[in-house]
PDB file of N, CA and C in Angstrom:
ATOM      1  N   MET A   1     -34.676  16.729   2.666  1.00  0.00           N
ATOM      2  CA  MET A   1     -33.757  15.946   1.867  1.00  0.00           C
ATOM      3  C   MET A   1     -32.700  15.337   2.780  1.00  0.00           C
ATOM      4  N   SER A   2     -32.561  14.041   2.717  1.00  0.00           N
ATOM      5  CA  SER A   2     -31.508  13.400   3.499  1.00  0.00           C
ATOM      6  C   SER A   2     -30.356  13.026   2.571  1.00  0.00           C
ATOM      7  N   VAL A   3     -29.172  13.250   3.065  1.00  0.00           N
ATOM      8  CA  VAL A   3     -27.979  12.928   2.293  1.00  0.00           C
ATOM      9  C   VAL A   3     -27.422  11.628   2.841  1.00  0.00           C
ATOM     10  N   THR A   4     -27.293  10.628   1.979  1.00  0.00           N
ATOM     11  CA  THR A   4     -26.751   9.360   2.433  1.00  0.00           C
ATOM     12  C   THR A   4     -25.238   9.385   2.314  1.00  0.00           C
ATOM     13  N   LYS A   5     -24.602   8.901   3.335  1.00  0.00           N
ATOM     14  CA  LYS A   5     -23.141   8.855   3.348  1.00  0.00           C
ATOM     15  C   LYS A   5     -22.681   7.635   2.558  1.00  0.00           C
ATOM     16  N   GLY A   6     -21.555   7.791   1.888  1.00  0.00           N
ATOM     17  CA  GLY A   6     -20.986   6.677   1.162  1.00  0.00           C
ATOM     18  C   GLY A   6     -20.242   5.747   2.097  1.00  0.00           C
ATOM     19  N   LYS A   7     -19.759   4.673   1.535  1.00  0.00           N
ATOM     20  CA  LYS A   7     -18.998   3.693   2.295  1.00  0.00           C
ATOM     21  C   LYS A   7     -17.613   3.570   1.678  1.00  0.00           C
ATOM     22  N   ILE A   8     -16.628   3.302   2.527  1.00  0.00           N
ATOM     23  CA  ILE A   8     -15.258   3.091   2.083  1.00  0.00           C
ATOM     24  C   ILE A   8     -14.802   1.732   2.599  1.00  0.00           C
ATOM     25  N   LYS A   9     -14.231   0.928   1.710  1.00  0.00           N
ATOM     26  CA  LYS A   9     -13.652  -0.360   2.108  1.00  0.00           C
ATOM     27  C   LYS A   9     -12.157  -0.145   2.309  1.00  0.00           C
ATOM     28  N   VAL A  10     -11.666  -0.489   3.495  1.00  0.00           N
ATOM     29  CA  VAL A  10     -10.261  -0.296   3.855  1.00  0.00           C
ATOM     30  C   VAL A  10      -9.645  -1.658   4.136  1.00  0.00           C
ATOM     31  N   THR A  11      -8.480  -1.933   3.530  1.00  0.00           N
ATOM     32  CA  THR A  11      -7.785  -3.202   3.697  1.00  0.00           C
ATOM     33  C   THR A  11      -6.365  -2.934   4.179  1.00  0.00           C
ATOM     34  N   LEU A  12      -5.927  -3.669   5.189  1.00  0.00           N
ATOM     35  CA  LEU A  12      -4.568  -3.546   5.706  1.00  0.00           C
ATOM     36  C   LEU A  12      -3.633  -4.364   4.816  1.00  0.00           C
ATOM     37  N   VAL A  13      -2.697  -3.705   4.137  1.00  0.00           N
ATOM     38  CA  VAL A  13      -1.816  -4.397   3.197  1.00  0.00           C
ATOM     39  C   VAL A  13      -0.372  -4.463   3.684  1.00  0.00           C
ATOM     40  N   ARG A  14       0.003  -3.660   4.679  1.00  0.00           N
ATOM     41  CA  ARG A  14       1.344  -3.724   5.263  1.00  0.00           C
ATOM     42  C   ARG A  14       1.208  -3.783   6.778  1.00  0.00           C
ATOM     43  N   SER A  15       2.148  -4.418   7.406  1.00  0.00           N
ATOM     44  CA  SER A  15       2.114  -4.587   8.852  1.00  0.00           C
ATOM     45  C   SER A  15       2.438  -3.274   9.564  1.00  0.00           C
ATOM     46  N   PRO A  16       1.708  -2.968  10.636  1.00  0.00           N
ATOM     47  CA  PRO A  16       2.018  -1.754  11.406  1.00  0.00           C
ATOM     48  C   PRO A  16       3.179  -1.952  12.391  1.00  0.00           C
ATOM     49  N   ILE A  17       3.790  -3.135  12.412  1.00  0.00           N
ATOM     50  CA  ILE A  17       4.935  -3.367  13.296  1.00  0.00           C
ATOM     51  C   ILE A  17       6.062  -2.426  12.888  1.00  0.00           C
ATOM     52  N   GLY A  18       6.624  -1.730  13.840  1.00  0.00           N
ATOM     53  CA  GLY A  18       7.723  -0.818  13.578  1.00  0.00           C
ATOM     54  C   GLY A  18       7.293   0.595  13.228  1.00  0.00           C
ATOM     55  N   THR A  19       5.990   0.848  13.173  1.00  0.00           N
ATOM     56  CA  THR A  19       5.514   2.200  12.896  1.00  0.00           C
ATOM     57  C   THR A  19       5.319   2.936  14.220  1.00  0.00           C
ATOM     58  N   ILE A  20       5.080   4.235  14.128  1.00  0.00           N
ATOM     59  CA  ILE A  20       4.917   4.998  15.359  1.00  0.00           C
ATOM     60  C   ILE A  20       3.562   4.696  15.999  1.00  0.00           C
ATOM     61  N   GLN A  21       3.485   4.936  17.299  1.00  0.00           N
ATOM     62  CA  GLN A  21       2.319   4.550  18.096  1.00  0.00           C
ATOM     63  C   GLN A  21       1.016   5.148  17.565  1.00  0.00           C
ATOM     64  N   SER A  22       1.032   6.406  17.128  1.00  0.00           N
ATOM     65  CA  SER A  22      -0.208   7.030  16.666  1.00  0.00           C
ATOM     66  C   SER A  22      -0.702   6.383  15.372  1.00  0.00           C
ATOM     67  N   HIS A  23       0.200   5.878  14.543  1.00  0.00           N
ATOM     68  CA  HIS A  23      -0.221   5.203  13.314  1.00  0.00           C
ATOM     69  C   HIS A  23      -0.819   3.836  13.641  1.00  0.00           C
ATOM     70  N   ARG A  24      -0.239   3.137  14.609  1.00  0.00           N
ATOM     71  CA  ARG A  24      -0.823   1.855  15.033  1.00  0.00           C
ATOM     72  C   ARG A  24      -2.205   2.085  15.625  1.00  0.00           C
ATOM     73  N   ALA A  25      -2.376   3.181  16.357  1.00  0.00           N
ATOM     74  CA  ALA A  25      -3.685   3.496  16.936  1.00  0.00           C
ATOM     75  C   ALA A  25      -4.699   3.813  15.842  1.00  0.00           C
ATOM     76  N   SER A  26      -4.275   4.472  14.775  1.00  0.00           N
ATOM     77  CA  SER A  26      -5.187   4.765  13.665  1.00  0.00           C
ATOM     78  C   SER A  26      -5.622   3.487  12.965  1.00  0.00           C
ATOM     79  N   VAL A  27      -4.700   2.548  12.794  1.00  0.00           N
ATOM     80  CA  VAL A  27      -5.042   1.261  12.171  1.00  0.00           C
ATOM     81  C   VAL A  27      -6.070   0.535  13.025  1.00  0.00           C
ATOM     82  N   ARG A  28      -5.862   0.531  14.339  1.00  0.00           N
ATOM     83  CA  ARG A  28      -6.830  -0.106  15.237  1.00  0.00           C
ATOM     84  C   ARG A  28      -8.168   0.633  15.206  1.00  0.00           C
ATOM     85  N   GLY A  29      -8.119   1.954  15.118  1.00  0.00           N
ATOM     86  CA  GLY A  29      -9.338   2.758  15.054  1.00  0.00           C
ATOM     87  C   GLY A  29     -10.148   2.488  13.801  1.00  0.00           C
ATOM     88  N   LEU A  30      -9.473   2.072  12.741  1.00  0.00           N
ATOM     89  CA  LEU A  30     -10.171   1.699  11.506  1.00  0.00           C
ATOM     90  C   LEU A  30     -10.743   0.287  11.590  1.00  0.00           C
ATOM     91  N   GLY A  31     -10.471  -0.413  12.686  1.00  0.00           N
ATOM     92  CA  GLY A  31     -11.013  -1.753  12.880  1.00  0.00           C
ATOM     93  C   GLY A  31     -10.172  -2.841  12.248  1.00  0.00           C
ATOM     94  N   LEU A  32      -8.907  -2.546  11.977  1.00  0.00           N
ATOM     95  CA  LEU A  32      -8.026  -3.515  11.324  1.00  0.00           C
ATOM     96  C   LEU A  32      -7.053  -4.083  12.340  1.00  0.00           C
ATOM     97  N   MET A  33      -6.974  -5.419  12.403  1.00  0.00           N
ATOM     98  CA  MET A  33      -6.074  -6.061  13.350  1.00  0.00           C
ATOM     99  C   MET A  33      -5.129  -7.046  12.682  1.00  0.00           C
ATOM    100  N   ARG A  34      -5.516  -7.594  11.538  1.00  0.00           N
ATOM    101  CA  ARG A  34      -4.703  -8.593  10.857  1.00  0.00           C
ATOM    102  C   ARG A  34      -4.399  -8.151   9.431  1.00  0.00           C
ATOM    103  N   MET A  35      -3.340  -8.708   8.895  1.00  0.00           N
ATOM    104  CA  MET A  35      -2.978  -8.437   7.508  1.00  0.00           C
ATOM    105  C   MET A  35      -4.103  -8.909   6.586  1.00  0.00           C
ATOM    106  N   HIS A  36      -4.371  -8.153   5.542  1.00  0.00           N
ATOM    107  CA  HIS A  36      -5.360  -8.451   4.509  1.00  0.00           C
ATOM    108  C   HIS A  36      -6.786  -8.486   5.045  1.00  0.00           C
ATOM    109  N   GLN A  37      -7.008  -7.954   6.230  1.00  0.00           N
ATOM    110  CA  GLN A  37      -8.354  -7.824   6.779  1.00  0.00           C
ATOM    111  C   GLN A  37      -8.978  -6.558   6.215  1.00  0.00           C
ATOM    112  N   SER A  38     -10.260  -6.618   5.903  1.00  0.00           N
ATOM    113  CA  SER A  38     -10.973  -5.474   5.347  1.00  0.00           C
ATOM    114  C   SER A  38     -12.134  -5.084   6.242  1.00  0.00           C
ATOM    115  N   THR A  39     -12.425  -3.792   6.273  1.00  0.00           N
ATOM    116  CA  THR A  39     -13.609  -3.297   6.948  1.00  0.00           C
ATOM    117  C   THR A  39     -14.293  -2.279   6.038  1.00  0.00           C
ATOM    118  N   VAL A  40     -15.598  -2.194   6.157  1.00  0.00           N
ATOM    119  CA  VAL A  40     -16.381  -1.212   5.409  1.00  0.00           C
ATOM    120  C   VAL A  40     -16.846  -0.173   6.407  1.00  0.00           C
ATOM    121  N   LEU A  41     -16.457   1.092   6.163  1.00  0.00           N
ATOM    122  CA  LEU A  41     -16.722   2.177   7.100  1.00  0.00           C
ATOM    123  C   LEU A  41     -17.501   3.290   6.424  1.00  0.00           C
ATOM    124  N   GLU A  42     -18.172   4.097   7.243  1.00  0.00           N
ATOM    125  CA  GLU A  42     -18.854   5.288   6.742  1.00  0.00           C
ATOM    126  C   GLU A  42     -17.812   6.282   6.228  1.00  0.00           C
ATOM    127  N   ASP A  43     -18.143   6.991   5.177  1.00  0.00           N
ATOM    128  CA  ASP A  43     -17.240   7.989   4.612  1.00  0.00           C
ATOM    129  C   ASP A  43     -17.424   9.302   5.371  1.00  0.00           C
ATOM    130  N   THR A  44     -16.642   9.472   6.438  1.00  0.00           N
ATOM    131  CA  THR A  44     -16.696  10.682   7.245  1.00  0.00           C
ATOM    132  C   THR A  44     -15.322  11.348   7.250  1.00  0.00           C
ATOM    133  N   PRO A  45     -15.245  12.620   7.615  1.00  0.00           N
ATOM    134  CA  PRO A  45     -13.943  13.288   7.679  1.00  0.00           C
ATOM    135  C   PRO A  45     -12.973  12.617   8.660  1.00  0.00           C
ATOM    136  N   ALA A  46     -13.482  12.074   9.760  1.00  0.00           N
ATOM    137  CA  ALA A  46     -12.618  11.413  10.736  1.00  0.00           C
ATOM    138  C   ALA A  46     -11.985  10.156  10.149  1.00  0.00           C
ATOM    139  N   VAL A  47     -12.787   9.381   9.444  1.00  0.00           N
ATOM    140  CA  VAL A  47     -12.282   8.153   8.824  1.00  0.00           C
ATOM    141  C   VAL A  47     -11.290   8.496   7.720  1.00  0.00           C
ATOM    142  N   ARG A  48     -11.603   9.495   6.925  1.00  0.00           N
ATOM    143  CA  ARG A  48     -10.669   9.902   5.860  1.00  0.00           C
ATOM    144  C   ARG A  48      -9.341  10.392   6.436  1.00  0.00           C
ATOM    145  N   GLY A  49      -9.393  11.078   7.570  1.00  0.00           N
ATOM    146  CA  GLY A  49      -8.170  11.539   8.215  1.00  0.00           C
ATOM    147  C   GLY A  49      -7.307  10.386   8.682  1.00  0.00           C
ATOM    148  N   MET A  50      -7.938   9.353   9.259  1.00  0.00           N
ATOM    149  CA  MET A  50      -7.179   8.182   9.692  1.00  0.00           C
ATOM    150  C   MET A  50      -6.576   7.446   8.498  1.00  0.00           C
ATOM    151  N   ILE A  51      -7.339   7.349   7.402  1.00  0.00           N
ATOM    152  CA  ILE A  51      -6.825   6.691   6.202  1.00  0.00           C
ATOM    153  C   ILE A  51      -5.654   7.480   5.629  1.00  0.00           C
ATOM    154  N   ASN A  52      -5.752   8.805   5.589  1.00  0.00           N
ATOM    155  CA  ASN A  52      -4.657   9.624   5.075  1.00  0.00           C
ATOM    156  C   ASN A  52      -3.411   9.500   5.934  1.00  0.00           C
ATOM    157  N   ARG A  53      -3.576   9.358   7.233  1.00  0.00           N
ATOM    158  CA  ARG A  53      -2.430   9.236   8.133  1.00  0.00           C
ATOM    159  C   ARG A  53      -1.660   7.946   7.875  1.00  0.00           C
ATOM    160  N   VAL A  54      -2.368   6.861   7.584  1.00  0.00           N
ATOM    161  CA  VAL A  54      -1.712   5.557   7.412  1.00  0.00           C
ATOM    162  C   VAL A  54      -1.852   5.056   5.973  1.00  0.00           C
ATOM    163  N   ASN A  55      -1.813   5.982   5.014  1.00  0.00           N
ATOM    164  CA  ASN A  55      -2.036   5.598   3.614  1.00  0.00           C
ATOM    165  C   ASN A  55      -0.977   4.641   3.087  1.00  0.00           C
ATOM    166  N   TYR A  56       0.182   4.562   3.713  1.00  0.00           N
ATOM    167  CA  TYR A  56       1.222   3.638   3.278  1.00  0.00           C
ATOM    168  C   TYR A  56       1.014   2.223   3.825  1.00  0.00           C
ATOM    169  N   LEU A  57       0.037   2.065   4.707  1.00  0.00           N
ATOM    170  CA  LEU A  57      -0.257   0.751   5.301  1.00  0.00           C
ATOM    171  C   LEU A  57      -1.542   0.146   4.771  1.00  0.00           C
ATOM    172  N   VAL A  58      -2.441   0.959   4.239  1.00  0.00           N
ATOM    173  CA  VAL A  58      -3.773   0.481   3.855  1.00  0.00           C
ATOM    174  C   VAL A  58      -4.065   0.760   2.391  1.00  0.00           C
ATOM    175  N   LYS A  59      -5.056   0.031   1.883  1.00  0.00           N
ATOM    176  CA  LYS A  59      -5.606   0.274   0.556  1.00  0.00           C
ATOM    177  C   LYS A  59      -7.067   0.602   0.752  1.00  0.00           C
ATOM    178  N   SER A  60      -7.544   1.673   0.136  1.00  0.00           N
ATOM    179  CA  SER A  60      -8.944   2.048   0.304  1.00  0.00           C
ATOM    180  C   SER A  60      -9.617   2.133  -1.057  1.00  0.00           C
ATOM    181  N   GLU A  61     -10.910   1.808  -1.061  1.00  0.00           N
ATOM    182  CA  GLU A  61     -11.698   1.855  -2.285  1.00  0.00           C
ATOM    183  C   GLU A  61     -13.142   2.131  -1.917  1.00  0.00           C
ATOM    184  N   VAL A  62     -13.896   2.594  -2.867  1.00  0.00           N
ATOM    185  CA  VAL A  62     -15.312   2.878  -2.637  1.00  0.00           C
ATOM    186  C   VAL A  62     -16.061   1.548  -2.585  1.00  0.00           C
ATOM    187  N   ALA A  63     -16.884   1.407  -1.545  1.00  0.00           N
ATOM    188  CA  ALA A  63     -17.622   0.154  -1.380  1.00  0.00           C
ATOM    189  C   ALA A  63     -19.059   0.317  -1.801  1.00  0.00           C
TER     190      ALA A  63
END
């Protein structure tokens, strides 16, 4: 039995300017560079951790 991983769509809704360095690195790690840019990522614990760290900067939804 193979378990298929879900997908999460992440959109940058606030600018990371003025945030701490590790939060800017998490935004870049999610593949977001511009405002209102979206990426679709695998639903893994690492991705969820990055989203939780910068939850005030991004909007996430099931893709």
